[in-house]
Amino acid sequence: MTTLIPREPYSPEELNKLYPKELKLQLVQVFLRHGERTPVSSRFENVGLIPYWPYCNVARRMVQMAAGNEELSSWNGFQWRRKMETFGDRDQSIVTVGAGGDVEGICQHGELTDKGRETTYQLGQRLRHLYVDQLGFMPKIKSDTEDMYLRATTIPRALESLQQAFWGMYPPNARTQDLQPPVIVARSVSEETLFPNESNCRRFRQLARLFADRAAKKWNHTEKMDYINSIYSKWMPENSPRVAVDSHPRLSGIQDTINATDAHGPATRLPSEFYNKTAREYMEDIAVDEWFTGYNESREYRKLGIGALMGDVVDRMVTTAVDGGWRSGTAASGSSAENGKAIKFAMSGCHDTTLAAIISSIGGSDYKWPPFTSSVAVELFSRAEPNPNTHASLTPTPKQGGGGLFSFFPRSSPPSTPSKTHLPPSPTARTPLASLSDPARESLQKHYVRIRYNDQPIRIPGCAAKAQNHLPGDETFCTLEAFKEVVDKFTPDSWKNECVQNLGEGMYGKDDKENSVSGY
């Protein structure tokens, strides 16, 4: 639940089974939870847990981009150091001090720590080992990133984790010197679908609160909660002495702080009682029920929480299968997207709620709360004959690689020529399965989708139930047609419009029973 302990790389025998020779990998979409971070708010100061953690040493020498001349037409690296200040006992400004008297390297609440940067970099290394070294799917040396799609939420820890993972996958010695700055796609938070967006989807916020209230009624007076209280209640504030789903702090907040302390050093450890194994297992069971049961039980919850993102995931695969490649105008860094390369590898920096929503919305089971640096890989395969030109650009002649944290941003490079043409949306985008042409559906039947969560393939009930919906002999390979049929059921027609519908209604819509995950 806290720091992910990744499995060893796949053995040759495992690799042959996971990537059968009769299938060709065409598109990979990776969603990664950010790395280890500090708690999002201060808790348990009464136990001696300091509010400011000394694990952000990257802040001792930060580099960002600043305008390089009066015309603001070029950019230079701006190096700076960060210190923090807070209130004194008379509200005067004082320097923030961490454990051991540190005044630099202090983290803000919810900030990616040095360890979080390390583990997301290591995730990038593992992705490189699999998709570059073992499978040869991506090139060893990168001269451009036109075949990649990078996206992150605007929350800094997600963006920085994505950067670290990219850096681990393509370190300086795997990039040519003339590599242009990679594009990282972002959205306005009001339109963000890379996490369940309670703040900007009113109906989803209502549903989340209804399921949380139900969890409180279900769990607050149970033997499991009594056991949790036997461990933690003495540390609770006087005005909220009992731990509960809806206590202050909430049970999920207590869990968050324990997980964050467990992932870091002795300077921010809680008393040993906090790490009681049984209590933590009970907390996790209850928190998973509170936050994620809605994806199993309510079609509307799935639609508004993760349906828009899953619709994008499917659109990209359908476009790859039907149109011969997915190209994104936002991901193109220089040349016209219309003439650019098809995207082969997408990577998105997101959150635990994103990963859990993806897994539970398609009927995945037997998972716990996603640990830091967890990942979901959505892989698309085809039975098509390989194109002899596919790997023509896998080994460009490397020039001298750069170095340093931001070496993939050239010190001085000519501005890229803006694209004069805009790639129109694929005609297959958001087209329901029943409305696709017969040739398109036949193509979908010849393509397979497999989802791996932390390197473990996920069984999707809607695909495993019927032999024609999966690869013979392996239920984890779902035909793209069957996978689209599953996701179509909870892809919203208009996320923005549906976010303001059914306001004030109950937890379930009229078609939730026949469209529950168990009914796939």
Protein backbone atom coordinates (compact mmCIF):
# COMPACT_ATOMS: atom_id res chain seq x y z
CA MET A 1 0.00 0.00 0.00
CA THR A 2 2.94 2.31 0.47
CA THR A 3 6.18 1.83 -1.51
CA LEU A 4 5.87 -0.56 -4.43
CA ILE A 5 8.27 -3.49 -4.42
CA PRO A 6 8.50 -4.28 -8.14
CA ARG A 7 8.87 -7.82 -9.33
CA GLU A 8 11.97 -9.02 -11.14
CA PRO A 9 12.07 -8.53 -14.94
CA TYR A 10 10.24 -11.16 -16.93
CA SER A 11 12.26 -14.29 -17.63
CA PRO A 12 12.60 -15.46 -21.27
CA GLU A 13 9.96 -18.11 -20.57
CA GLU A 14 7.54 -15.56 -19.11
CA LEU A 15 8.24 -13.17 -21.96
CA ASN A 16 7.38 -15.81 -24.57
CA LYS A 17 4.08 -16.49 -22.84
CA LEU A 18 3.17 -12.84 -22.23
CA TYR A 19 4.11 -11.72 -25.74
CA PRO A 20 3.18 -14.58 -28.10
CA LYS A 21 4.97 -14.65 -31.44
CA GLU A 22 1.69 -14.67 -33.36
CA LEU A 23 0.83 -11.23 -31.97
CA LYS A 24 2.48 -7.94 -32.79
CA LEU A 25 2.59 -5.14 -30.24
CA GLN A 26 1.29 -1.92 -31.78
CA LEU A 27 0.48 0.59 -29.05
CA VAL A 28 1.26 0.90 -25.34
CA GLN A 29 -0.50 3.32 -22.98
CA VAL A 30 1.02 3.55 -19.50
CA PHE A 31 -0.68 5.31 -16.59
CA LEU A 32 1.62 5.81 -13.63
CA ARG A 33 0.88 6.92 -10.13
CA HIS A 34 3.31 9.53 -8.89
CA GLY A 35 6.13 8.48 -6.60
CA GLU A 36 6.45 8.85 -2.84
CA ARG A 37 5.29 12.19 -1.50
CA THR A 38 4.69 13.98 1.75
CA PRO A 39 1.18 13.92 3.29
CA VAL A 40 -1.25 16.35 1.72
CA SER A 41 -1.84 17.96 5.12
CA SER A 42 -0.27 17.93 8.57
CA ARG A 43 -1.54 15.27 10.97
CA PHE A 44 -0.42 13.79 14.28
CA GLU A 45 1.75 16.70 15.37
CA ASN A 46 0.52 15.74 18.85
CA VAL A 47 2.50 12.52 18.42
CA GLY A 48 5.62 14.42 17.47
CA LEU A 49 5.36 14.11 13.69
CA ILE A 50 6.91 17.26 12.28
CA PRO A 51 4.74 19.11 9.73
CA TYR A 52 7.63 19.86 7.35
CA TRP A 53 9.66 16.98 5.99
CA PRO A 54 13.36 17.25 4.97
CA TYR A 55 13.22 14.97 1.92
CA CYS A 56 13.20 17.41 -1.00
CA ASN A 57 16.90 18.02 -1.54
CA VAL A 58 16.29 18.74 -5.21
CA ALA A 59 15.01 22.11 -3.92
CA ARG A 60 18.58 22.98 -2.99
CA ARG A 61 19.26 23.52 -6.67
CA MET A 62 16.16 23.96 -8.76
CA VAL A 63 16.22 24.71 -12.47
CA GLN A 64 13.37 26.26 -14.38
CA MET A 65 13.07 28.16 -17.61
CA ALA A 66 13.10 31.94 -17.76
CA ALA A 67 12.93 34.44 -20.60
CA GLY A 68 16.43 34.94 -22.00
CA ASN A 69 16.14 38.45 -23.44
CA GLU A 70 13.99 41.56 -23.44
CA GLU A 71 11.92 40.33 -26.38
CA LEU A 72 11.01 37.16 -24.43
CA SER A 73 11.76 35.15 -27.57
CA SER A 74 14.18 32.63 -26.06
CA TRP A 75 14.59 30.69 -22.86
CA ASN A 76 17.48 30.02 -20.52
CA GLY A 77 17.84 27.83 -17.49
CA PHE A 78 17.19 29.75 -14.26
CA GLN A 79 18.83 28.12 -11.25
CA TRP A 80 17.61 28.88 -7.75
CA ARG A 81 17.40 27.48 -4.24
CA ARG A 82 14.26 27.22 -2.18
CA LYS A 83 13.75 27.95 1.48
CA MET A 84 10.43 28.08 3.24
CA GLU A 85 9.00 30.15 6.04
CA THR A 86 6.04 29.85 8.35
CA PHE A 87 4.32 31.55 11.29
CA GLY A 88 6.07 32.06 14.60
CA ASP A 89 4.33 32.03 17.98
CA ARG A 90 3.32 35.70 17.45
CA ASP A 91 2.50 35.27 13.76
CA GLN A 92 5.88 36.65 12.79
CA SER A 93 7.68 35.11 9.81
CA ILE A 94 10.23 32.47 10.75
CA VAL A 95 12.29 30.01 8.75
CA THR A 96 10.71 26.58 8.40
CA VAL A 97 12.87 23.96 10.06
CA GLY A 98 12.75 20.24 9.43
CA ALA A 99 13.96 17.31 11.46
CA GLY A 100 17.58 17.73 12.55
CA GLY A 101 17.46 21.49 12.05
CA ASP A 102 17.37 21.41 8.24
CA VAL A 103 16.36 24.70 6.63
CA GLU A 104 16.86 23.62 3.01
CA GLY A 105 15.45 20.59 1.24
CA ILE A 106 12.16 21.07 3.05
CA CYS A 107 9.10 19.65 1.30
CA GLN A 108 5.74 21.25 0.85
CA HIS A 109 2.59 19.28 1.60
CA GLY A 110 1.90 16.69 -1.07
CA GLU A 111 5.25 17.24 -2.78
CA LEU A 112 7.18 14.54 -4.59
CA THR A 113 10.15 13.62 -2.41
CA ASP A 114 13.66 12.57 -3.35
CA LYS A 115 12.59 8.96 -2.92
CA GLY A 116 9.57 9.55 -5.17
CA ARG A 117 11.87 10.88 -7.87
CA GLU A 118 14.09 7.84 -7.47
CA THR A 119 11.29 5.27 -7.74
CA THR A 120 9.66 6.90 -10.77
CA TYR A 121 13.06 7.07 -12.46
CA GLN A 122 13.43 3.36 -11.75
CA LEU A 123 9.98 2.76 -13.26
CA GLY A 124 11.25 4.40 -16.44
CA GLN A 125 14.26 2.08 -16.37
CA ARG A 126 11.97 -0.94 -16.08
CA LEU A 127 9.85 0.30 -18.97
CA ARG A 128 13.02 0.67 -21.02
CA HIS A 129 14.19 -2.82 -20.13
CA LEU A 130 10.89 -4.35 -21.24
CA TYR A 131 9.89 -2.30 -24.27
CA VAL A 132 13.36 -1.41 -25.57
CA ASP A 133 15.80 -4.11 -24.45
CA GLN A 134 13.60 -7.19 -24.28
CA LEU A 135 10.90 -6.54 -26.89
CA GLY A 136 12.62 -4.08 -29.23
CA PHE A 137 9.31 -2.24 -29.52
CA MET A 138 10.77 1.22 -28.89
CA PRO A 139 14.11 2.48 -30.24
CA LYS A 140 17.29 2.32 -28.18
CA ILE A 141 18.28 5.86 -29.19
CA LYS A 142 15.76 8.68 -29.39
CA SER A 143 16.22 11.38 -32.04
CA ASP A 144 12.67 12.71 -31.63
CA THR A 145 9.60 12.00 -29.51
CA GLU A 146 7.05 12.17 -32.31
CA ASP A 147 5.99 8.57 -31.67
CA MET A 148 5.33 9.26 -27.98
CA TYR A 149 2.44 10.93 -26.17
CA LEU A 150 3.25 12.35 -22.74
CA ARG A 151 0.54 13.79 -20.54
CA ALA A 152 0.19 14.68 -16.86
CA THR A 153 -2.26 16.32 -14.55
CA THR A 154 -1.38 19.83 -13.45
CA ILE A 155 -0.56 18.61 -9.94
CA PRO A 156 3.24 19.00 -9.73
CA ARG A 157 3.99 15.56 -8.27
CA ALA A 158 2.31 13.88 -11.24
CA LEU A 159 4.13 16.04 -13.80
CA GLU A 160 7.50 15.59 -12.09
CA SER A 161 6.98 11.81 -11.81
CA LEU A 162 6.25 11.65 -15.54
CA GLN A 163 9.45 13.58 -16.24
CA GLN A 164 11.46 11.20 -14.05
CA ALA A 165 9.96 8.17 -15.78
CA PHE A 166 10.76 9.61 -19.20
CA TRP A 167 14.29 10.33 -18.00
CA GLY A 168 14.67 6.73 -16.80
CA MET A 169 13.36 5.35 -20.10
CA TYR A 170 15.54 7.63 -22.21
CA PRO A 171 18.57 8.85 -20.21
CA PRO A 172 21.08 11.27 -21.78
CA ASN A 173 23.12 8.53 -23.44
CA ALA A 174 19.97 7.28 -25.20
CA ARG A 175 19.08 10.63 -26.77
CA THR A 176 20.66 12.42 -29.68
CA GLN A 177 21.96 15.90 -29.04
CA ASP A 178 19.46 17.43 -31.45
CA LEU A 179 16.44 15.88 -29.75
CA GLN A 180 13.82 18.60 -29.56
CA PRO A 181 12.03 19.23 -26.25
CA PRO A 182 9.35 16.57 -25.76
CA VAL A 183 5.79 17.79 -25.56
CA ILE A 184 3.96 17.12 -22.30
CA VAL A 185 0.24 17.57 -22.76
CA ALA A 186 -1.84 19.25 -20.06
CA ARG A 187 -5.47 20.21 -19.60
CA SER A 188 -7.25 22.88 -17.68
CA VAL A 189 -8.25 21.42 -14.33
CA SER A 190 -11.90 22.14 -15.17
CA GLU A 191 -11.59 19.67 -18.08
CA GLU A 192 -9.21 17.19 -16.49
CA THR A 193 -10.19 13.56 -16.90
CA LEU A 194 -6.86 11.99 -15.97
CA PHE A 195 -8.23 11.56 -12.46
CA PRO A 196 -11.79 11.33 -11.10
CA ASN A 197 -12.56 15.05 -11.08
CA GLU A 198 -14.84 15.65 -8.09
CA SER A 199 -14.07 19.37 -8.01
CA ASN A 200 -15.37 20.01 -11.53
CA CYS A 201 -18.03 17.35 -11.98
CA ARG A 202 -20.88 18.17 -9.62
CA ARG A 203 -22.83 14.95 -10.10
CA PHE A 204 -19.74 12.80 -9.54
CA ARG A 205 -19.00 14.77 -6.37
CA GLN A 206 -22.50 14.00 -5.14
CA LEU A 207 -22.11 10.31 -5.94
CA ALA A 208 -18.72 10.15 -4.20
CA ARG A 209 -20.22 11.67 -1.07
CA LEU A 210 -23.17 9.27 -1.16
CA PHE A 211 -20.88 6.25 -1.37
CA ALA A 212 -18.67 7.70 1.37
CA ASP A 213 -21.70 8.22 3.62
CA ARG A 214 -22.80 4.67 2.94
CA ALA A 215 -19.33 3.40 3.84
CA ALA A 216 -19.49 5.32 7.11
CA LYS A 217 -22.82 3.70 8.03
CA LYS A 218 -21.51 0.31 6.97
CA TRP A 219 -18.16 0.36 8.76
CA ASN A 220 -18.16 2.85 11.67
CA HIS A 221 -19.59 0.39 14.21
CA THR A 222 -17.99 -2.88 13.23
CA GLU A 223 -15.42 -5.18 14.79
CA LYS A 224 -12.84 -4.03 12.26
CA MET A 225 -13.35 -0.39 13.19
CA ASP A 226 -13.27 -1.27 16.88
CA TYR A 227 -9.92 -2.93 16.35
CA ILE A 228 -8.63 0.12 14.45
CA ASN A 229 -9.74 2.31 17.38
CA SER A 230 -7.97 0.05 19.86
CA ILE A 231 -4.74 0.97 18.07
CA TYR A 232 -5.19 4.60 17.04
CA SER A 233 -7.91 6.27 19.11
CA LYS A 234 -5.55 7.45 21.84
CA TRP A 235 -3.70 9.51 19.26
CA MET A 236 -6.82 11.22 17.91
CA PRO A 237 -7.66 14.88 18.70
CA GLU A 238 -9.79 15.57 21.78
CA ASN A 239 -12.66 16.91 19.68
CA SER A 240 -12.72 13.74 17.54
CA PRO A 241 -11.60 10.90 19.79
CA ARG A 242 -12.91 7.99 17.72
CA VAL A 243 -11.54 6.87 14.37
CA ALA A 244 -14.26 6.53 11.71
CA VAL A 245 -14.72 6.73 7.97
CA ASP A 246 -15.93 10.30 8.47
CA SER A 247 -13.92 11.29 11.54
CA HIS A 248 -11.54 14.25 11.69
CA PRO A 249 -9.03 13.30 10.44
CA ARG A 250 -10.87 10.84 8.20
CA LEU A 251 -9.83 7.22 8.18
CA SER A 252 -8.43 7.62 4.65
CA GLY A 253 -6.39 10.63 5.83
CA ILE A 254 -4.93 8.63 8.70
CA GLN A 255 -4.05 5.89 6.25
CA ASP A 256 -2.41 8.43 3.93
CA THR A 257 -0.15 9.80 6.66
CA ILE A 258 0.85 6.32 7.83
CA ASN A 259 1.69 5.27 4.29
CA ALA A 260 3.75 8.41 3.65
CA THR A 261 5.74 7.99 6.87
CA ASP A 262 6.29 4.31 6.16
CA ALA A 263 7.82 5.21 2.80
CA HIS A 264 10.42 7.58 4.21
CA GLY A 265 13.13 7.90 6.82
CA PRO A 266 13.33 7.69 10.61
CA ALA A 267 13.01 11.46 11.04
CA THR A 268 9.33 11.21 10.16
CA ARG A 269 8.33 7.91 11.74
CA LEU A 270 5.26 7.56 13.93
CA PRO A 271 5.21 5.38 17.06
CA SER A 272 5.53 1.69 16.16
CA GLU A 273 1.87 1.03 17.02
CA PHE A 274 0.81 2.96 13.93
CA TYR A 275 2.27 0.25 11.71
CA ASN A 276 0.17 -2.55 13.18
CA LYS A 277 -0.28 -4.92 10.23
CA THR A 278 -3.85 -5.99 11.01
CA ALA A 279 -5.07 -2.44 11.62
CA ARG A 280 -3.56 -1.29 8.35
CA GLU A 281 -5.18 -4.13 6.44
CA TYR A 282 -8.56 -3.24 7.93
CA MET A 283 -8.07 0.44 7.07
CA GLU A 284 -7.21 -0.45 3.51
CA ASP A 285 -10.27 -2.69 3.10
CA ILE A 286 -12.55 0.07 4.36
CA ALA A 287 -10.89 2.85 2.33
CA VAL A 288 -11.07 0.80 -0.88
CA ASP A 289 -14.77 0.20 -0.23
CA GLU A 290 -15.38 3.90 0.44
CA TRP A 291 -13.53 5.22 -2.60
CA PHE A 292 -13.85 2.57 -5.28
CA THR A 293 -16.94 0.40 -4.77
CA GLY A 294 -18.94 2.89 -6.81
CA TYR A 295 -17.07 1.82 -9.94
CA ASN A 296 -18.31 -1.74 -9.47
CA GLU A 297 -21.90 -0.88 -8.62
CA SER A 298 -22.88 2.28 -10.50
CA ARG A 299 -22.69 2.86 -14.22
CA GLU A 300 -23.06 6.61 -13.64
CA TYR A 301 -20.15 6.53 -11.19
CA ARG A 302 -17.98 4.82 -13.82
CA LYS A 303 -19.10 7.21 -16.57
CA LEU A 304 -18.35 10.39 -14.65
CA GLY A 305 -15.34 9.16 -12.70
CA ILE A 306 -13.26 7.46 -15.41
CA GLY A 307 -15.45 7.00 -18.50
CA ALA A 308 -14.10 9.99 -20.43
CA LEU A 309 -10.51 8.82 -19.98
CA MET A 310 -11.33 5.22 -20.89
CA GLY A 311 -13.16 6.50 -23.97
CA ASP A 312 -9.90 8.19 -25.01
CA VAL A 313 -7.94 4.99 -24.34
CA VAL A 314 -10.27 3.00 -26.59
CA ASP A 315 -10.40 5.69 -29.29
CA ARG A 316 -6.60 5.57 -29.60
CA MET A 317 -6.62 1.80 -30.04
CA VAL A 318 -9.52 1.80 -32.49
CA THR A 319 -7.82 4.51 -34.54
CA THR A 320 -4.63 2.45 -34.56
CA ALA A 321 -6.52 -0.66 -35.67
CA VAL A 322 -8.84 0.94 -38.25
CA ASP A 323 -6.93 3.96 -39.54
CA GLY A 324 -3.44 2.45 -39.41
CA GLY A 325 -2.12 4.65 -36.63
CA TRP A 326 -3.03 7.12 -33.91
CA ARG A 327 -1.62 10.62 -34.37
CA SER A 328 -2.13 13.46 -31.93
CA GLY A 329 -1.94 17.11 -32.84
CA THR A 330 -1.13 18.03 -29.24
CA ALA A 331 1.78 15.59 -29.01
CA ALA A 332 3.54 16.75 -32.19
CA SER A 333 6.55 18.89 -31.31
CA GLY A 334 7.52 20.21 -34.70
CA SER A 335 6.26 18.79 -37.96
CA SER A 336 2.64 18.77 -38.95
CA ALA A 337 0.74 16.13 -37.01
CA GLU A 338 -0.92 15.11 -40.24
CA ASN A 339 2.41 13.98 -41.66
CA GLY A 340 4.00 12.92 -38.39
CA LYS A 341 4.66 9.48 -37.00
CA ALA A 342 1.98 7.30 -35.54
CA ILE A 343 2.21 7.19 -31.77
CA LYS A 344 3.48 3.92 -30.33
CA PHE A 345 4.00 4.74 -26.67
CA ALA A 346 1.89 6.95 -24.40
CA MET A 347 2.71 7.71 -20.81
CA SER A 348 0.54 9.69 -18.39
CA GLY A 349 1.43 10.94 -14.92
CA CYS A 350 -1.58 10.58 -12.67
CA HIS A 351 -2.78 9.33 -9.28
CA ASP A 352 -3.85 6.35 -7.19
CA THR A 353 -7.51 7.16 -7.82
CA THR A 354 -6.86 7.00 -11.57
CA LEU A 355 -5.33 3.53 -11.48
CA ALA A 356 -7.93 2.08 -9.13
CA ALA A 357 -10.73 3.54 -11.25
CA ILE A 358 -9.32 2.01 -14.45
CA ILE A 359 -9.00 -1.44 -12.89
CA SER A 360 -12.31 -1.52 -11.04
CA SER A 361 -14.32 -0.01 -13.92
CA ILE A 362 -13.51 -2.97 -16.17
CA GLY A 363 -14.21 -5.51 -13.45
CA GLY A 364 -10.68 -6.14 -12.21
CA SER A 365 -10.60 -7.61 -8.72
CA ASP A 366 -8.30 -8.66 -5.91
CA TYR A 367 -6.36 -5.43 -5.85
CA LYS A 368 -5.44 -3.18 -2.96
CA TRP A 369 -4.92 0.56 -2.77
CA PRO A 370 -2.30 1.33 -5.47
CA PRO A 371 1.13 1.88 -3.88
CA PHE A 372 3.31 4.82 -4.85
CA THR A 373 4.74 4.48 -8.38
CA SER A 374 2.21 1.84 -9.40
CA SER A 375 1.39 1.63 -13.09
CA VAL A 376 -1.23 0.32 -15.48
CA ALA A 377 -0.12 -0.63 -18.99
CA VAL A 378 -2.78 -0.96 -21.70
CA GLU A 379 -1.26 -2.87 -24.60
CA LEU A 380 -2.71 -3.27 -28.10
CA PHE A 381 -1.69 -6.21 -30.29
CA SER A 382 -2.60 -7.33 -33.79
CA ARG A 383 -2.34 -10.52 -35.80
CA ALA A 384 -1.38 -8.47 -38.86
CA GLU A 385 1.80 -9.23 -40.76
CA PRO A 386 4.63 -6.99 -39.55
CA ASN A 387 5.51 -4.00 -41.71
CA PRO A 388 9.16 -4.34 -42.85
CA ASN A 389 9.60 -0.58 -42.45
CA THR A 390 8.32 -0.48 -38.88
CA HIS A 391 11.77 -0.56 -37.31
CA ALA A 392 13.58 1.49 -39.92
CA SER A 393 14.23 4.33 -37.48
CA LEU A 394 14.99 2.32 -34.37
CA THR A 395 18.73 2.95 -34.38
CA PRO A 396 19.56 6.48 -35.52
CA THR A 397 23.23 7.38 -35.41
CA PRO A 398 23.72 8.90 -31.97
CA LYS A 399 25.40 12.24 -31.61
CA GLN A 400 27.01 13.35 -28.38
CA GLY A 401 24.37 13.14 -25.67
CA GLY A 402 23.75 15.96 -23.27
CA GLY A 403 23.94 15.83 -19.50
CA GLY A 404 22.32 17.34 -16.48
CA LEU A 405 18.77 17.38 -15.26
CA PHE A 406 17.33 19.30 -18.20
CA SER A 407 19.69 18.20 -20.96
CA PHE A 408 16.85 17.11 -23.21
CA PHE A 409 15.99 20.79 -23.52
CA PRO A 410 18.67 22.16 -25.90
CA ARG A 411 20.45 25.28 -24.66
CA SER A 412 19.74 27.03 -27.91
CA SER A 413 17.54 25.56 -30.57
CA PRO A 414 15.58 27.14 -33.38
CA PRO A 415 11.91 27.49 -32.61
CA SER A 416 9.88 24.77 -34.21
CA THR A 417 7.70 25.78 -37.10
CA PRO A 418 4.09 25.75 -35.96
CA SER A 419 1.94 23.24 -37.75
CA LYS A 420 -0.18 24.91 -40.39
CA THR A 421 -2.55 22.00 -40.54
CA HIS A 422 -4.51 20.53 -37.71
CA LEU A 423 -5.15 16.85 -37.58
CA PRO A 424 -8.91 16.30 -37.65
CA PRO A 425 -10.42 13.86 -35.16
CA SER A 426 -10.61 10.29 -36.35
CA PRO A 427 -14.06 9.50 -37.76
CA THR A 428 -14.10 6.49 -35.44
CA ALA A 429 -13.73 8.63 -32.30
CA ARG A 430 -16.51 7.87 -29.80
CA THR A 431 -18.38 5.87 -32.45
CA PRO A 432 -20.37 3.12 -30.70
CA LEU A 433 -19.41 -0.41 -31.63
CA ALA A 434 -22.80 -1.08 -33.26
CA SER A 435 -22.32 1.91 -35.59
CA LEU A 436 -18.92 0.88 -36.93
CA SER A 437 -18.73 -0.54 -40.43
CA ASP A 438 -18.29 -4.28 -40.95
CA PRO A 439 -14.66 -3.91 -42.10
CA ALA A 440 -13.89 -1.82 -39.01
CA ARG A 441 -15.41 -4.42 -36.70
CA GLU A 442 -13.48 -7.17 -38.45
CA SER A 443 -10.29 -5.23 -37.81
CA LEU A 444 -11.21 -4.89 -34.13
CA GLN A 445 -11.72 -8.65 -33.94
CA LYS A 446 -8.15 -9.16 -35.16
CA HIS A 447 -6.70 -6.90 -32.47
CA TYR A 448 -6.24 -7.74 -28.81
CA VAL A 449 -6.02 -5.67 -25.65
CA ARG A 450 -4.17 -6.72 -22.53
CA ILE A 451 -3.93 -4.73 -19.29
CA ARG A 452 -1.07 -5.23 -16.86
CA TYR A 453 -1.21 -3.72 -13.37
CA ASN A 454 2.25 -3.57 -11.78
CA ASP A 455 3.36 -6.19 -14.33
CA GLN A 456 0.50 -8.55 -13.51
CA PRO A 457 -2.04 -9.24 -16.31
CA ILE A 458 -5.63 -8.40 -15.37
CA ARG A 459 -8.53 -10.71 -16.17
CA ILE A 460 -11.50 -8.73 -17.56
CA PRO A 461 -14.81 -10.52 -16.92
CA GLY A 462 -16.50 -9.11 -20.02
CA CYS A 463 -13.79 -10.67 -22.18
CA ALA A 464 -13.18 -13.90 -20.28
CA ALA A 465 -16.86 -14.89 -20.22
CA LYS A 466 -17.04 -15.87 -23.91
CA ALA A 467 -14.43 -17.75 -25.93
CA GLN A 468 -14.87 -15.47 -28.97
CA ASN A 469 -14.01 -12.45 -26.82
CA HIS A 470 -10.44 -13.44 -25.96
CA LEU A 471 -7.34 -15.05 -27.37
CA PRO A 472 -7.64 -18.84 -27.40
CA GLY A 473 -5.91 -20.19 -24.34
CA ASP A 474 -5.41 -16.84 -22.59
CA GLU A 475 -8.35 -14.95 -21.10
CA THR A 476 -6.23 -11.87 -20.31
CA PHE A 477 -6.02 -11.03 -24.04
CA CYS A 478 -9.32 -9.38 -24.88
CA THR A 479 -10.38 -8.73 -28.46
CA LEU A 480 -10.48 -5.01 -29.12
CA GLU A 481 -14.10 -5.43 -30.19
CA ALA A 482 -15.06 -6.97 -26.83
CA PHE A 483 -13.01 -4.45 -24.87
CA LYS A 484 -14.66 -1.57 -26.69
CA GLU A 485 -18.06 -3.10 -25.97
CA VAL A 486 -17.23 -3.12 -22.25
CA VAL A 487 -15.99 0.49 -22.22
CA ASP A 488 -18.76 1.81 -24.49
CA LYS A 489 -21.22 1.00 -21.71
CA PHE A 490 -19.72 3.68 -19.47
CA THR A 491 -18.28 6.18 -21.95
CA PRO A 492 -20.24 9.43 -21.57
CA ASP A 493 -21.73 11.11 -24.62
CA SER A 494 -20.76 14.48 -23.12
CA TRP A 495 -18.85 14.42 -19.86
CA LYS A 496 -19.41 18.12 -19.16
CA ASN A 497 -23.16 17.92 -19.76
CA GLU A 498 -23.63 14.71 -17.80
CA CYS A 499 -21.71 16.20 -14.86
CA VAL A 500 -24.64 18.56 -14.27
CA GLN A 501 -27.44 16.05 -14.85
CA ASN A 502 -29.30 14.04 -12.19
CA LEU A 503 -28.26 16.49 -9.49
CA GLY A 504 -29.90 15.60 -6.20
CA GLU A 505 -30.75 12.08 -7.31
CA GLY A 506 -29.76 8.98 -5.36
CA MET A 507 -26.81 6.63 -5.67
CA TYR A 508 -28.14 4.50 -8.52
CA GLY A 509 -29.67 5.18 -11.89
CA LYS A 510 -32.42 3.16 -13.50
CA ASP A 511 -29.99 1.03 -15.53
CA ASP A 512 -27.33 0.41 -12.90
CA LYS A 513 -28.35 -3.16 -12.16
CA GLU A 514 -28.16 -4.38 -15.72
CA ASN A 515 -24.98 -2.38 -16.32
CA SER A 516 -23.04 -3.30 -13.20
CA VAL A 517 -19.57 -4.74 -13.60
CA SER A 518 -20.89 -8.17 -12.68
CA GLY A 519 -23.27 -7.90 -15.61
CA TYR A 520 -20.55 -7.51 -18.26
